[in-house]
Amino acid sequence: MRDVFDGNELAMNEEEMMEALMAFQESSMEAREQQAAELAQTNLEEGQNFLAENAERDEVEVTESGLQYEVLESGDGATPGAEDT
């Protein structure tokens, strides 16, 4: 930028500048993708650890599909059926 303002000859021509900019953008994108992949892996591991620990709690029910739930307060009213609206 100084060369432009000072009227000096540029160190790169326009094509070289575009190539350098594109290379920088690609390396930046790869770095962001790597960070996102690492964060995703960390989140996956933490989530799996939480589910494993949570499933061991006495209050937690685990369904066949792996869904975990805890009944906070059981109702005592009528149970709806498949034909109810």
PDB file of N, CA and C in Angstrom:
ATOM      1  N   MET A   1       0.828  -1.190   0.000  1.00  0.00           N
ATOM      2  CA  MET A   1       0.000   0.000   0.000  1.00  0.00           C
ATOM      3  C   MET A   1       0.874   1.257   0.000  1.00  0.00           C
ATOM      4  N   ARG A   2       1.969   1.186   0.706  1.00  0.00           N
ATOM      5  CA  ARG A   2       2.863   2.354   0.732  1.00  0.00           C
ATOM      6  C   ARG A   2       3.406   2.645  -0.659  1.00  0.00           C
ATOM      7  N   ASP A   3       3.743   1.575  -1.404  1.00  0.00           N
ATOM      8  CA  ASP A   3       4.262   1.783  -2.761  1.00  0.00           C
ATOM      9  C   ASP A   3       3.235   2.517  -3.618  1.00  0.00           C
ATOM     10  N   VAL A   4       1.968   2.167  -3.472  1.00  0.00           N
ATOM     11  CA  VAL A   4       0.923   2.841  -4.255  1.00  0.00           C
ATOM     12  C   VAL A   4       0.851   4.303  -3.874  1.00  0.00           C
ATOM     13  N   PHE A   5       0.824   4.592  -2.583  1.00  0.00           N
ATOM     14  CA  PHE A   5       0.715   5.981  -2.133  1.00  0.00           C
ATOM     15  C   PHE A   5       1.971   6.791  -2.470  1.00  0.00           C
ATOM     16  N   ASP A   6       3.122   6.133  -2.431  1.00  0.00           N
ATOM     17  CA  ASP A   6       4.376   6.833  -2.723  1.00  0.00           C
ATOM     18  C   ASP A   6       4.677   6.891  -4.218  1.00  0.00           C
ATOM     19  N   GLY A   7       3.865   6.182  -5.030  1.00  0.00           N
ATOM     20  CA  GLY A   7       4.087   6.184  -6.474  1.00  0.00           C
ATOM     21  C   GLY A   7       5.238   5.299  -6.897  1.00  0.00           C
ATOM     22  N   ASN A   8       5.633   4.351  -6.053  1.00  0.00           N
ATOM     23  CA  ASN A   8       6.737   3.437  -6.372  1.00  0.00           C
ATOM     24  C   ASN A   8       6.221   2.234  -7.163  1.00  0.00           C
ATOM     25  N   GLU A   9       7.169   1.505  -7.729  1.00  0.00           N
ATOM     26  CA  GLU A   9       6.822   0.291  -8.461  1.00  0.00           C
ATOM     27  C   GLU A   9       6.340  -0.764  -7.462  1.00  0.00           C
ATOM     28  N   LEU A  10       5.305  -1.472  -7.830  1.00  0.00           N
ATOM     29  CA  LEU A  10       4.744  -2.485  -6.933  1.00  0.00           C
ATOM     30  C   LEU A  10       5.598  -3.750  -6.933  1.00  0.00           C
ATOM     31  N   ALA A  11       5.648  -4.439  -5.773  1.00  0.00           N
ATOM     32  CA  ALA A  11       6.434  -5.661  -5.640  1.00  0.00           C
ATOM     33  C   ALA A  11       5.764  -6.819  -6.389  1.00  0.00           C
ATOM     34  N   MET A  12       4.447  -6.741  -6.587  1.00  0.00           N
ATOM     35  CA  MET A  12       3.701  -7.792  -7.295  1.00  0.00           C
ATOM     36  C   MET A  12       2.811  -7.148  -8.337  1.00  0.00           C
ATOM     37  N   ASN A  13       2.585  -7.905  -9.398  1.00  0.00           N
ATOM     38  CA  ASN A  13       1.614  -7.404 -10.363  1.00  0.00           C
ATOM     39  C   ASN A  13       0.222  -7.844  -9.900  1.00  0.00           C
ATOM     40  N   GLU A  14      -0.793  -7.437 -10.633  1.00  0.00           N
ATOM     41  CA  GLU A  14      -2.167  -7.704 -10.200  1.00  0.00           C
ATOM     42  C   GLU A  14      -2.463  -9.205 -10.121  1.00  0.00           C
ATOM     43  N   GLU A  15      -1.967  -9.960 -11.072  1.00  0.00           N
ATOM     44  CA  GLU A  15      -2.203 -11.407 -11.083  1.00  0.00           C
ATOM     45  C   GLU A  15      -1.554 -12.067  -9.865  1.00  0.00           C
ATOM     46  N   GLU A  16      -0.341 -11.667  -9.537  1.00  0.00           N
ATOM     47  CA  GLU A  16       0.348 -12.219  -8.366  1.00  0.00           C
ATOM     48  C   GLU A  16      -0.378 -11.851  -7.071  1.00  0.00           C
ATOM     49  N   MET A  17      -0.909 -10.636  -7.025  1.00  0.00           N
ATOM     50  CA  MET A  17      -1.675 -10.214  -5.849  1.00  0.00           C
ATOM     51  C   MET A  17      -2.923 -11.077  -5.669  1.00  0.00           C
ATOM     52  N   MET A  18      -3.624 -11.336  -6.771  1.00  0.00           N
ATOM     53  CA  MET A  18      -4.835 -12.167  -6.711  1.00  0.00           C
ATOM     54  C   MET A  18      -4.483 -13.583  -6.270  1.00  0.00           C
ATOM     55  N   GLU A  19      -3.393 -14.136  -6.790  1.00  0.00           N
ATOM     56  CA  GLU A  19      -2.970 -15.483  -6.399  1.00  0.00           C
ATOM     57  C   GLU A  19      -2.615 -15.530  -4.912  1.00  0.00           C
ATOM     58  N   ALA A  20      -1.907 -14.512  -4.448  1.00  0.00           N
ATOM     59  CA  ALA A  20      -1.529 -14.455  -3.034  1.00  0.00           C
ATOM     60  C   ALA A  20      -2.771 -14.329  -2.148  1.00  0.00           C
ATOM     61  N   LEU A  21      -3.709 -13.508  -2.573  1.00  0.00           N
ATOM     62  CA  LEU A  21      -4.946 -13.326  -1.816  1.00  0.00           C
ATOM     63  C   LEU A  21      -5.746 -14.621  -1.773  1.00  0.00           C
ATOM     64  N   MET A  22      -5.847 -15.295  -2.906  1.00  0.00           N
ATOM     65  CA  MET A  22      -6.588 -16.557  -2.950  1.00  0.00           C
ATOM     66  C   MET A  22      -5.908 -17.617  -2.084  1.00  0.00           C
ATOM     67  N   ALA A  23      -4.582 -17.681  -2.107  1.00  0.00           N
ATOM     68  CA  ALA A  23      -3.847 -18.638  -1.275  1.00  0.00           C
ATOM     69  C   ALA A  23      -4.072 -18.336   0.208  1.00  0.00           C
ATOM     70  N   PHE A  24      -4.084 -17.059   0.562  1.00  0.00           N
ATOM     71  CA  PHE A  24      -4.341 -16.670   1.950  1.00  0.00           C
ATOM     72  C   PHE A  24      -5.761 -17.060   2.359  1.00  0.00           C
ATOM     73  N   GLN A  25      -6.734 -16.810   1.499  1.00  0.00           N
ATOM     74  CA  GLN A  25      -8.120 -17.162   1.805  1.00  0.00           C
ATOM     75  C   GLN A  25      -8.275 -18.669   1.975  1.00  0.00           C
ATOM     76  N   GLU A  26      -7.634 -19.434   1.108  1.00  0.00           N
ATOM     77  CA  GLU A  26      -7.717 -20.890   1.206  1.00  0.00           C
ATOM     78  C   GLU A  26      -7.097 -21.394   2.504  1.00  0.00           C
ATOM     79  N   SER A  27      -5.931 -20.867   2.863  1.00  0.00           N
ATOM     80  CA  SER A  27      -5.284 -21.313   4.102  1.00  0.00           C
ATOM     81  C   SER A  27      -6.107 -20.896   5.322  1.00  0.00           C
ATOM     82  N   SER A  28      -6.713 -19.717   5.265  1.00  0.00           N
ATOM     83  CA  SER A  28      -7.572 -19.269   6.362  1.00  0.00           C
ATOM     84  C   SER A  28      -8.789 -20.171   6.500  1.00  0.00           C
ATOM     85  N   MET A  29      -9.390 -20.535   5.370  1.00  0.00           N
ATOM     86  CA  MET A  29     -10.565 -21.401   5.389  1.00  0.00           C
ATOM     87  C   MET A  29     -10.194 -22.783   5.928  1.00  0.00           C
ATOM     88  N   GLU A  30      -9.056 -23.310   5.519  1.00  0.00           N
ATOM     89  CA  GLU A  30      -8.611 -24.611   6.016  1.00  0.00           C
ATOM     90  C   GLU A  30      -8.385 -24.565   7.525  1.00  0.00           C
ATOM     91  N   ALA A  31      -7.818 -23.474   8.015  1.00  0.00           N
ATOM     92  CA  ALA A  31      -7.586 -23.328   9.454  1.00  0.00           C
ATOM     93  C   ALA A  31      -8.907 -23.278  10.215  1.00  0.00           C
ATOM     94  N   ARG A  32      -9.888 -22.538   9.678  1.00  0.00           N
ATOM     95  CA  ARG A  32     -11.208 -22.464  10.318  1.00  0.00           C
ATOM     96  C   ARG A  32     -11.897 -23.819  10.306  1.00  0.00           C
ATOM     97  N   GLU A  33     -11.781 -24.548   9.189  1.00  0.00           N
ATOM     98  CA  GLU A  33     -12.385 -25.878   9.101  1.00  0.00           C
ATOM     99  C   GLU A  33     -11.732 -26.825  10.104  1.00  0.00           C
ATOM    100  N   GLN A  34     -10.419 -26.727  10.258  1.00  0.00           N
ATOM    101  CA  GLN A  34      -9.710 -27.570  11.225  1.00  0.00           C
ATOM    102  C   GLN A  34     -10.178 -27.258  12.639  1.00  0.00           C
ATOM    103  N   GLN A  35     -10.299 -25.984  12.964  1.00  0.00           N
ATOM    104  CA  GLN A  35     -10.772 -25.583  14.292  1.00  0.00           C
ATOM    105  C   GLN A  35     -12.191 -26.092  14.527  1.00  0.00           C
ATOM    106  N   ALA A  36     -13.048 -25.968  13.520  1.00  0.00           N
ATOM    107  CA  ALA A  36     -14.429 -26.436  13.651  1.00  0.00           C
ATOM    108  C   ALA A  36     -14.478 -27.942  13.845  1.00  0.00           C
ATOM    109  N   ALA A  37     -13.638 -28.686  13.138  1.00  0.00           N
ATOM    110  CA  ALA A  37     -13.602 -30.142  13.277  1.00  0.00           C
ATOM    111  C   ALA A  37     -13.128 -30.536  14.673  1.00  0.00           C
ATOM    112  N   GLU A  38     -12.116 -29.837  15.181  1.00  0.00           N
ATOM    113  CA  GLU A  38     -11.629 -30.120  16.530  1.00  0.00           C
ATOM    114  C   GLU A  38     -12.696 -29.813  17.572  1.00  0.00           C
ATOM    115  N   LEU A  39     -13.393 -28.701  17.415  1.00  0.00           N
ATOM    116  CA  LEU A  39     -14.460 -28.334  18.338  1.00  0.00           C
ATOM    117  C   LEU A  39     -15.601 -29.344  18.269  1.00  0.00           C
ATOM    118  N   ALA A  40     -15.945 -29.775  17.060  1.00  0.00           N
ATOM    119  CA  ALA A  40     -17.009 -30.766  16.903  1.00  0.00           C
ATOM    120  C   ALA A  40     -16.637 -32.076  17.586  1.00  0.00           C
ATOM    121  N   GLN A  41     -15.393 -32.494  17.453  1.00  0.00           N
ATOM    122  CA  GLN A  41     -14.938 -33.736  18.090  1.00  0.00           C
ATOM    123  C   GLN A  41     -14.984 -33.600  19.611  1.00  0.00           C
ATOM    124  N   THR A  42     -14.543 -32.465  20.127  1.00  0.00           N
ATOM    125  CA  THR A  42     -14.583 -32.218  21.568  1.00  0.00           C
ATOM    126  C   THR A  42     -16.018 -32.244  22.074  1.00  0.00           C
ATOM    127  N   ASN A  43     -16.921 -31.572  21.349  1.00  0.00           N
ATOM    128  CA  ASN A  43     -18.329 -31.547  21.748  1.00  0.00           C
ATOM    129  C   ASN A  43     -18.939 -32.941  21.713  1.00  0.00           C
ATOM    130  N   LEU A  44     -18.601 -33.729  20.706  1.00  0.00           N
ATOM    131  CA  LEU A  44     -19.112 -35.091  20.602  1.00  0.00           C
ATOM    132  C   LEU A  44     -18.655 -35.924  21.792  1.00  0.00           C
ATOM    133  N   GLU A  45     -17.380 -35.843  22.120  1.00  0.00           N
ATOM    134  CA  GLU A  45     -16.847 -36.612  23.246  1.00  0.00           C
ATOM    135  C   GLU A  45     -17.483 -36.181  24.562  1.00  0.00           C
ATOM    136  N   GLU A  46     -17.623 -34.872  24.767  1.00  0.00           N
ATOM    137  CA  GLU A  46     -18.238 -34.367  25.997  1.00  0.00           C
ATOM    138  C   GLU A  46     -19.700 -34.804  26.083  1.00  0.00           C
ATOM    139  N   GLY A  47     -20.410 -34.771  24.957  1.00  0.00           N
ATOM    140  CA  GLY A  47     -21.809 -35.199  24.932  1.00  0.00           C
ATOM    141  C   GLY A  47     -21.948 -36.674  25.243  1.00  0.00           C
ATOM    142  N   GLN A  48     -21.089 -37.493  24.665  1.00  0.00           N
ATOM    143  CA  GLN A  48     -21.138 -38.928  24.926  1.00  0.00           C
ATOM    144  C   GLN A  48     -20.809 -39.226  26.387  1.00  0.00           C
ATOM    145  N   ASN A  49     -19.825 -38.519  26.945  1.00  0.00           N
ATOM    146  CA  ASN A  49     -19.489 -38.696  28.360  1.00  0.00           C
ATOM    147  C   ASN A  49     -20.662 -38.306  29.258  1.00  0.00           C
ATOM    148  N   PHE A  50     -21.314 -37.196  28.938  1.00  0.00           N
ATOM    149  CA  PHE A  50     -22.465 -36.758  29.723  1.00  0.00           C
ATOM    150  C   PHE A  50     -23.571 -37.805  29.672  1.00  0.00           C
ATOM    151  N   LEU A  51     -23.889 -38.298  28.480  1.00  0.00           N
ATOM    152  CA  LEU A  51     -24.964 -39.289  28.353  1.00  0.00           C
ATOM    153  C   LEU A  51     -24.626 -40.571  29.112  1.00  0.00           C
ATOM    154  N   ALA A  52     -23.382 -40.996  29.064  1.00  0.00           N
ATOM    155  CA  ALA A  52     -22.973 -42.206  29.784  1.00  0.00           C
ATOM    156  C   ALA A  52     -23.118 -42.018  31.293  1.00  0.00           C
ATOM    157  N   GLU A  53     -22.682 -40.874  31.791  1.00  0.00           N
ATOM    158  CA  GLU A  53     -22.798 -40.595  33.228  1.00  0.00           C
ATOM    159  C   GLU A  53     -24.254 -40.403  33.626  1.00  0.00           C
ATOM    160  N   ASN A  54     -25.015 -39.702  32.806  1.00  0.00           N
ATOM    161  CA  ASN A  54     -26.407 -39.427  33.113  1.00  0.00           C
ATOM    162  C   ASN A  54     -27.232 -40.715  33.144  1.00  0.00           C
ATOM    163  N   ALA A  55     -26.926 -41.663  32.275  1.00  0.00           N
ATOM    164  CA  ALA A  55     -27.671 -42.914  32.209  1.00  0.00           C
ATOM    165  C   ALA A  55     -27.505 -43.738  33.482  1.00  0.00           C
ATOM    166  N   GLU A  56     -26.425 -43.514  34.216  1.00  0.00           N
ATOM    167  CA  GLU A  56     -26.169 -44.264  35.441  1.00  0.00           C
ATOM    168  C   GLU A  56     -26.969 -43.741  36.627  1.00  0.00           C
ATOM    169  N   ARG A  57     -27.531 -42.558  36.520  1.00  0.00           N
ATOM    170  CA  ARG A  57     -28.321 -41.994  37.614  1.00  0.00           C
ATOM    171  C   ARG A  57     -29.600 -42.800  37.787  1.00  0.00           C
ATOM    172  N   ASP A  58     -30.026 -43.011  39.042  1.00  0.00           N
ATOM    173  CA  ASP A  58     -31.228 -43.796  39.335  1.00  0.00           C
ATOM    174  C   ASP A  58     -32.492 -43.134  38.802  1.00  0.00           C
ATOM    175  N   GLU A  59     -32.540 -41.800  38.784  1.00  0.00           N
ATOM    176  CA  GLU A  59     -33.746 -41.074  38.369  1.00  0.00           C
ATOM    177  C   GLU A  59     -33.959 -41.098  36.859  1.00  0.00           C
ATOM    178  N   VAL A  60     -32.946 -41.447  36.109  1.00  0.00           N
ATOM    179  CA  VAL A  60     -32.992 -41.338  34.650  1.00  0.00           C
ATOM    180  C   VAL A  60     -33.417 -42.664  34.028  1.00  0.00           C
ATOM    181  N   GLU A  61     -34.387 -42.588  33.138  1.00  0.00           N
ATOM    182  CA  GLU A  61     -34.847 -43.744  32.362  1.00  0.00           C
ATOM    183  C   GLU A  61     -34.209 -43.656  30.979  1.00  0.00           C
ATOM    184  N   VAL A  62     -33.793 -44.781  30.437  1.00  0.00           N
ATOM    185  CA  VAL A  62     -33.188 -44.822  29.108  1.00  0.00           C
ATOM    186  C   VAL A  62     -34.023 -45.753  28.246  1.00  0.00           C
ATOM    187  N   THR A  63     -34.502 -45.233  27.114  1.00  0.00           N
ATOM    188  CA  THR A  63     -35.313 -46.044  26.208  1.00  0.00           C
ATOM    189  C   THR A  63     -34.407 -46.905  25.330  1.00  0.00           C
ATOM    190  N   GLU A  64     -35.042 -47.807  24.588  1.00  0.00           N
ATOM    191  CA  GLU A  64     -34.303 -48.691  23.693  1.00  0.00           C
ATOM    192  C   GLU A  64     -33.519 -47.907  22.643  1.00  0.00           C
ATOM    193  N   SER A  65     -34.067 -46.769  22.222  1.00  0.00           N
ATOM    194  CA  SER A  65     -33.393 -45.961  21.206  1.00  0.00           C
ATOM    195  C   SER A  65     -32.267 -45.107  21.786  1.00  0.00           C
ATOM    196  N   GLY A  66     -32.148 -45.076  23.123  1.00  0.00           N
ATOM    197  CA  GLY A  66     -31.096 -44.289  23.752  1.00  0.00           C
ATOM    198  C   GLY A  66     -31.585 -42.976  24.334  1.00  0.00           C
ATOM    199  N   LEU A  67     -32.855 -42.659  24.126  1.00  0.00           N
ATOM    200  CA  LEU A  67     -33.420 -41.434  24.688  1.00  0.00           C
ATOM    201  C   LEU A  67     -33.367 -41.516  26.206  1.00  0.00           C
ATOM    202  N   GLN A  68     -32.942 -40.448  26.842  1.00  0.00           N
ATOM    203  CA  GLN A  68     -32.879 -40.401  28.300  1.00  0.00           C
ATOM    204  C   GLN A  68     -33.883 -39.379  28.805  1.00  0.00           C
ATOM    205  N   TYR A  69     -34.597 -39.756  29.861  1.00  0.00           N
ATOM    206  CA  TYR A  69     -35.539 -38.810  30.447  1.00  0.00           C
ATOM    207  C   TYR A  69     -35.648 -39.062  31.942  1.00  0.00           C
ATOM    208  N   GLU A  70     -36.125 -38.032  32.635  1.00  0.00           N
ATOM    209  CA  GLU A  70     -36.339 -38.107  34.075  1.00  0.00           C
ATOM    210  C   GLU A  70     -37.740 -37.593  34.345  1.00  0.00           C
ATOM    211  N   VAL A  71     -38.539 -38.375  35.042  1.00  0.00           N
ATOM    212  CA  VAL A  71     -39.890 -37.959  35.409  1.00  0.00           C
ATOM    213  C   VAL A  71     -39.773 -37.067  36.634  1.00  0.00           C
ATOM    214  N   LEU A  72     -40.128 -35.801  36.478  1.00  0.00           N
ATOM    215  CA  LEU A  72     -40.043 -34.856  37.584  1.00  0.00           C
ATOM    216  C   LEU A  72     -41.270 -34.937  38.473  1.00  0.00           C
ATOM    217  N   GLU A  73     -42.431 -35.093  37.834  1.00  0.00           N
ATOM    218  CA  GLU A  73     -43.678 -35.195  38.590  1.00  0.00           C
ATOM    219  C   GLU A  73     -44.620 -36.072  37.779  1.00  0.00           C
ATOM    220  N   SER A  74     -45.066 -37.138  38.371  1.00  0.00           N
ATOM    221  CA  SER A  74     -45.942 -38.077  37.664  1.00  0.00           C
ATOM    222  C   SER A  74     -47.379 -37.594  37.759  1.00  0.00           C
ATOM    223  N   GLY A  75     -48.103 -37.670  36.661  1.00  0.00           N
ATOM    224  CA  GLY A  75     -49.500 -37.282  36.651  1.00  0.00           C
ATOM    225  C   GLY A  75     -50.378 -38.437  37.123  1.00  0.00           C
ATOM    226  N   ASP A  76     -51.614 -38.125  37.526  1.00  0.00           N
ATOM    227  CA  ASP A  76     -52.514 -39.174  37.988  1.00  0.00           C
ATOM    228  C   ASP A  76     -53.855 -39.132  37.260  1.00  0.00           C
ATOM    229  N   GLY A  77     -53.931 -38.412  36.160  1.00  0.00           N
ATOM    230  CA  GLY A  77     -55.167 -38.311  35.408  1.00  0.00           C
ATOM    231  C   GLY A  77     -55.296 -39.431  34.395  1.00  0.00           C
ATOM    232  N   ALA A  78     -56.317 -39.317  33.550  1.00  0.00           N
ATOM    233  CA  ALA A  78     -56.560 -40.314  32.505  1.00  0.00           C
ATOM    234  C   ALA A  78     -55.432 -40.277  31.488  1.00  0.00           C
ATOM    235  N   THR A  79     -55.091 -41.438  30.969  1.00  0.00           N
ATOM    236  CA  THR A  79     -54.043 -41.560  29.969  1.00  0.00           C
ATOM    237  C   THR A  79     -54.681 -41.517  28.582  1.00  0.00           C
ATOM    238  N   PRO A  80     -54.231 -40.613  27.694  1.00  0.00           N
ATOM    239  CA  PRO A  80     -54.827 -40.538  26.353  1.00  0.00           C
ATOM    240  C   PRO A  80     -54.484 -41.787  25.544  1.00  0.00           C
ATOM    241  N   GLY A  81     -55.411 -42.160  24.677  1.00  0.00           N
ATOM    242  CA  GLY A  81     -55.202 -43.297  23.798  1.00  0.00           C
ATOM    243  C   GLY A  81     -54.959 -42.857  22.367  1.00  0.00           C
ATOM    244  N   ALA A  82     -54.744 -43.798  21.474  1.00  0.00           N
ATOM    245  CA  ALA A  82     -54.438 -43.505  20.077  1.00  0.00           C
ATOM    246  C   ALA A  82     -55.592 -42.812  19.370  1.00  0.00           C
ATOM    247  N   GLU A  83     -56.831 -43.060  19.781  1.00  0.00           N
ATOM    248  CA  GLU A  83     -58.017 -42.480  19.128  1.00  0.00           C
ATOM    249  C   GLU A  83     -58.477 -41.175  19.757  1.00  0.00           C
ATOM    250  N   ASP A  84     -57.856 -40.749  20.838  1.00  0.00           N
ATOM    251  CA  ASP A  84     -58.254 -39.512  21.513  1.00  0.00           C
ATOM    252  C   ASP A  84     -57.794 -38.298  20.714  1.00  0.00           C
ATOM    253  N   THR A  85     -58.576 -37.211  20.836  1.00  0.00           N
ATOM    254  CA  THR A  85     -58.200 -35.936  20.197  1.00  0.00           C
ATOM    255  C   THR A  85     -58.148 -34.847  21.234  1.00  0.00           C
TER     256      THR A  85
END
